[in-house]
Amino acid sequence: MPDYDQLNEQIIQCRQCPRLVEWRERIGKEKRKSFQNEEYWAKPVPNFGDPNANGLVVGLAPAAHGANRTGRQFTGDRSGDWLYRSMHRIGFASQPNATHIGDGLKLTNIIVTPVCHCAPPDNKPTREEIANCKTYLDQTLALREWKAFLCLGNIGWTELHKALGIRPIPKFTHGVESHLPDGRIILASFHPSQQNTFTGRLTEEMLDSVIQRFWDLLQA
């Protein structure tokens, strides 16, 4: 079984999904006008966080001009701005900003992993692409006996339950908790996407509340 660094190396080298390989690399060449002078990562984005963590955060996928550009989970876009500000307020993140790999951000006691490690068109990976990436979620879960989980969005919630063999899957909504047979807990939050934050579906107070609960579970 690979360790944390070996698993990340496997993830970075992956080319299983032709549609995603084509898309991430094309975006990396075409670029957004505001990032024309930057070199895009344009590869699968590895797990990010504290290698000794016992809390796992499960997201959806890298954003085309966010993590697909920077090469680090939730870095360089508004979703990451929301997430890491909240994590900094609660104590998980060393700073509130996440702009690029060399910005000094460090996470404590958590690792962030996506269901799909490549940026998908329209932020929508297919079922087959999610299935192809499941091997990396399974291997991330196998790294250790995680103490608690936080899922950002319904797809992360669904796929984590599947990977853990939990049926039926509880209905997803913000703040819901899924209690596993062994006593561990999966927390749910609406994804900090612009679609949710711009409309007020997810507020900073709502996000802070779930992340504080996650902190408390890991400290218990």
Protein backbone atom coordinates (compact mmCIF):
# COMPACT_ATOMS: atom_id res chain seq x y z
CA MET A 1 0.00 0.00 0.00
CA PRO A 2 1.51 3.40 -0.94
CA ASP A 3 2.22 6.00 1.74
CA TYR A 4 1.03 9.60 1.50
CA ASP A 5 3.81 10.82 -0.82
CA GLN A 6 3.77 7.70 -3.00
CA LEU A 7 0.01 7.98 -3.45
CA ASN A 8 0.33 11.61 -4.52
CA GLU A 9 2.94 10.63 -7.10
CA GLN A 10 0.57 8.00 -8.51
CA ILE A 11 -2.24 10.54 -8.70
CA ILE A 12 -0.11 13.11 -10.55
CA GLN A 13 0.89 10.56 -13.20
CA CYS A 14 -2.67 9.38 -13.92
CA ARG A 15 -4.06 9.53 -17.48
CA GLN A 16 -7.04 7.18 -17.14
CA CYS A 17 -9.75 9.52 -18.46
CA PRO A 18 -9.17 10.80 -22.03
CA ARG A 19 -11.80 13.55 -21.79
CA LEU A 20 -10.29 14.96 -18.60
CA VAL A 21 -6.71 14.71 -19.86
CA GLU A 22 -7.67 16.63 -23.00
CA TRP A 23 -9.62 19.26 -21.07
CA ARG A 24 -7.13 19.96 -18.29
CA GLU A 25 -4.23 20.23 -20.77
CA ARG A 26 -6.17 22.42 -23.21
CA ILE A 27 -7.17 24.80 -20.41
CA GLY A 28 -3.52 24.88 -19.37
CA LYS A 29 -2.53 26.12 -22.83
CA GLU A 30 -5.44 28.45 -23.55
CA LYS A 31 -5.47 29.96 -20.03
CA ARG A 32 -7.69 32.70 -18.69
CA LYS A 33 -6.67 36.20 -19.76
CA SER A 34 -5.89 37.27 -16.19
CA PHE A 35 -3.48 34.32 -15.83
CA GLN A 36 -1.79 34.52 -19.25
CA ASN A 37 1.67 34.90 -17.72
CA GLU A 38 1.31 31.91 -15.41
CA GLU A 39 2.26 28.32 -16.13
CA TYR A 40 -0.73 26.07 -15.42
CA TRP A 41 -0.31 22.81 -13.50
CA ALA A 42 -2.71 21.04 -15.91
CA LYS A 43 -2.28 17.59 -14.30
CA PRO A 44 -4.23 15.62 -11.70
CA VAL A 45 -4.14 17.56 -8.43
CA PRO A 46 -2.77 15.51 -5.51
CA ASN A 47 -4.06 15.37 -1.95
CA PHE A 48 -3.09 18.33 0.22
CA GLY A 49 -2.66 18.72 3.94
CA ASP A 50 -0.95 17.34 7.02
CA PRO A 51 0.59 13.91 6.25
CA ASN A 52 -0.10 12.91 9.88
CA ALA A 53 -3.73 14.08 9.87
CA ASN A 54 -6.64 12.08 11.24
CA GLY A 55 -9.39 14.17 9.60
CA LEU A 56 -10.31 13.85 5.92
CA VAL A 57 -12.07 16.53 3.84
CA VAL A 58 -13.70 15.26 0.63
CA GLY A 59 -14.44 17.72 -2.17
CA LEU A 60 -15.53 17.38 -5.79
CA ALA A 61 -12.81 18.27 -8.33
CA PRO A 62 -10.23 20.94 -9.17
CA ALA A 63 -11.49 24.12 -10.81
CA ALA A 64 -10.21 24.73 -14.33
CA HIS A 65 -8.50 28.02 -13.45
CA GLY A 66 -8.12 27.27 -9.72
CA ALA A 67 -6.36 24.08 -8.65
CA ASN A 68 -5.83 23.02 -12.28
CA ARG A 69 -3.72 26.19 -12.53
CA THR A 70 -2.02 26.16 -9.13
CA GLY A 71 -1.65 22.42 -8.55
CA ARG A 72 -3.02 22.54 -4.99
CA GLN A 73 -6.49 21.68 -3.73
CA PHE A 74 -8.88 24.66 -3.37
CA THR A 75 -6.10 27.12 -4.25
CA GLY A 76 -6.48 30.13 -6.51
CA ASP A 77 -10.27 30.46 -6.71
CA ARG A 78 -13.20 31.83 -4.69
CA SER A 79 -14.22 28.41 -3.35
CA GLY A 80 -10.80 28.08 -1.77
CA ASP A 81 -10.97 31.64 -0.46
CA TRP A 82 -14.12 30.72 1.47
CA LEU A 83 -12.87 27.34 2.65
CA TYR A 84 -9.46 28.38 3.91
CA ARG A 85 -10.72 31.58 5.56
CA SER A 86 -13.08 29.43 7.58
CA MET A 87 -10.40 26.83 8.30
CA HIS A 88 -8.07 29.60 9.47
CA ARG A 89 -10.71 31.01 11.80
CA ILE A 90 -11.28 27.58 13.34
CA GLY A 91 -7.60 26.62 13.55
CA PHE A 92 -6.99 24.13 10.72
CA ALA A 93 -5.16 26.52 8.36
CA SER A 94 -2.06 28.60 9.09
CA GLN A 95 -3.38 31.55 7.07
CA PRO A 96 -6.67 32.66 5.47
CA ASN A 97 -5.32 33.01 1.92
CA ALA A 98 -4.57 30.32 -0.66
CA THR A 99 -3.16 31.83 -3.85
CA HIS A 100 -0.34 29.54 -5.01
CA ILE A 101 1.75 26.56 -3.87
CA GLY A 102 4.51 28.74 -2.46
CA ASP A 103 2.25 31.00 -0.40
CA GLY A 104 3.13 29.30 2.91
CA LEU A 105 -0.27 27.77 3.65
CA LYS A 106 -0.10 24.73 5.92
CA LEU A 107 -2.95 22.62 7.24
CA THR A 108 -3.07 20.97 10.66
CA ASN A 109 -4.62 17.52 11.28
CA ILE A 110 -6.56 17.40 7.98
CA ILE A 111 -6.01 16.25 4.41
CA VAL A 112 -8.12 17.55 1.52
CA THR A 113 -8.92 15.09 -1.26
CA PRO A 114 -11.37 15.31 -4.20
CA VAL A 115 -13.66 12.69 -5.66
CA CYS A 116 -12.13 13.52 -9.06
CA HIS A 117 -8.50 14.67 -9.20
CA CYS A 118 -8.72 16.31 -12.65
CA ALA A 119 -10.63 19.45 -13.59
CA PRO A 120 -13.79 18.41 -15.50
CA PRO A 121 -15.69 20.51 -18.07
CA ASP A 122 -18.48 22.52 -16.36
CA ASN A 123 -17.26 21.11 -13.01
CA LYS A 124 -19.14 17.90 -13.81
CA PRO A 125 -17.19 14.63 -13.91
CA THR A 126 -19.02 11.69 -15.44
CA ARG A 127 -19.93 8.58 -13.47
CA GLU A 128 -17.20 6.67 -15.31
CA GLU A 129 -14.60 9.33 -14.45
CA ILE A 130 -15.59 9.26 -10.79
CA ALA A 131 -15.36 5.46 -10.86
CA ASN A 132 -11.88 5.64 -12.43
CA CYS A 133 -10.71 7.97 -9.66
CA LYS A 134 -12.24 5.85 -6.89
CA THR A 135 -9.02 3.88 -6.54
CA TYR A 136 -7.36 7.04 -5.19
CA LEU A 137 -10.16 7.69 -2.72
CA ASP A 138 -9.92 4.07 -1.58
CA GLN A 139 -6.16 4.36 -1.14
CA THR A 140 -6.53 7.66 0.71
CA LEU A 141 -9.00 6.03 3.07
CA ALA A 142 -6.57 3.16 3.58
CA LEU A 143 -3.73 5.47 4.66
CA ARG A 144 -4.97 5.30 8.28
CA GLU A 145 -7.99 4.96 10.55
CA TRP A 146 -9.50 8.39 9.99
CA LYS A 147 -11.21 9.84 13.05
CA ALA A 148 -13.84 11.97 11.25
CA PHE A 149 -14.81 13.16 7.77
CA LEU A 150 -16.12 16.38 6.23
CA CYS A 151 -17.81 16.25 2.81
CA LEU A 152 -18.15 19.41 0.74
CA GLY A 153 -21.16 18.84 -1.50
CA ASN A 154 -23.50 16.00 -2.33
CA ILE A 155 -21.15 14.10 -4.66
CA GLY A 156 -18.41 13.94 -2.04
CA TRP A 157 -21.01 12.83 0.51
CA THR A 158 -22.35 10.10 -1.77
CA GLU A 159 -19.00 8.77 -2.95
CA LEU A 160 -17.48 8.66 0.53
CA HIS A 161 -20.41 6.63 1.84
CA LYS A 162 -20.07 4.24 -1.12
CA ALA A 163 -16.33 3.88 -0.54
CA LEU A 164 -16.93 3.09 3.13
CA GLY A 165 -19.63 0.55 2.23
CA ILE A 166 -22.42 2.45 3.96
CA ARG A 167 -25.96 1.75 2.74
CA PRO A 168 -28.46 3.29 2.59
CA ILE A 169 -26.80 6.66 2.08
CA PRO A 170 -28.40 9.34 4.29
CA LYS A 171 -29.99 12.29 2.53
CA PHE A 172 -27.52 15.12 1.98
CA THR A 173 -28.12 18.60 3.33
CA HIS A 174 -25.96 21.19 5.02
CA GLY A 175 -25.06 20.28 8.59
CA VAL A 176 -26.37 16.71 8.49
CA GLU A 177 -24.29 14.05 10.26
CA SER A 178 -23.87 10.40 9.33
CA HIS A 179 -22.93 8.14 12.23
CA LEU A 180 -20.93 5.08 11.16
CA PRO A 181 -21.30 1.70 12.90
CA ASP A 182 -17.85 2.12 14.48
CA GLY A 183 -18.83 5.46 16.02
CA ARG A 184 -17.07 7.74 13.58
CA ILE A 185 -18.99 10.66 12.05
CA ILE A 186 -19.26 12.07 8.52
CA LEU A 187 -20.22 15.75 8.39
CA ALA A 188 -21.85 17.50 5.43
CA SER A 189 -21.52 21.04 4.16
CA PHE A 190 -22.79 22.71 1.04
CA HIS A 191 -19.85 23.14 -1.32
CA PRO A 192 -18.29 26.63 -1.06
CA SER A 193 -18.87 27.20 -4.78
CA GLN A 194 -19.83 30.60 -6.14
CA GLN A 195 -23.24 29.15 -6.98
CA ASN A 196 -23.81 28.61 -3.25
CA THR A 197 -21.92 31.55 -1.73
CA PHE A 198 -23.12 34.26 -4.14
CA THR A 199 -26.76 33.25 -3.63
CA GLY A 200 -26.54 33.04 0.16
CA ARG A 201 -27.32 29.32 0.16
CA LEU A 202 -24.07 28.96 2.09
CA THR A 203 -22.99 31.71 4.48
CA GLU A 204 -19.70 32.05 6.31
CA GLU A 205 -21.50 31.38 9.58
CA MET A 206 -22.95 28.14 8.18
CA LEU A 207 -19.55 26.97 6.96
CA ASP A 208 -17.83 27.95 10.22
CA SER A 209 -20.40 25.99 12.22
CA VAL A 210 -19.70 22.72 10.40
CA ILE A 211 -15.94 23.20 10.39
CA GLN A 212 -16.03 23.98 14.13
CA ARG A 213 -17.94 20.74 14.67
CA PHE A 214 -15.29 18.92 12.60
CA TRP A 215 -12.55 20.46 14.79
CA ASP A 216 -14.34 19.39 17.95
CA LEU A 217 -14.69 15.80 16.73
CA LEU A 218 -10.99 15.60 15.94
CA GLN A 219 -10.03 17.04 19.34
CA ALA A 220 -12.24 14.62 21.30
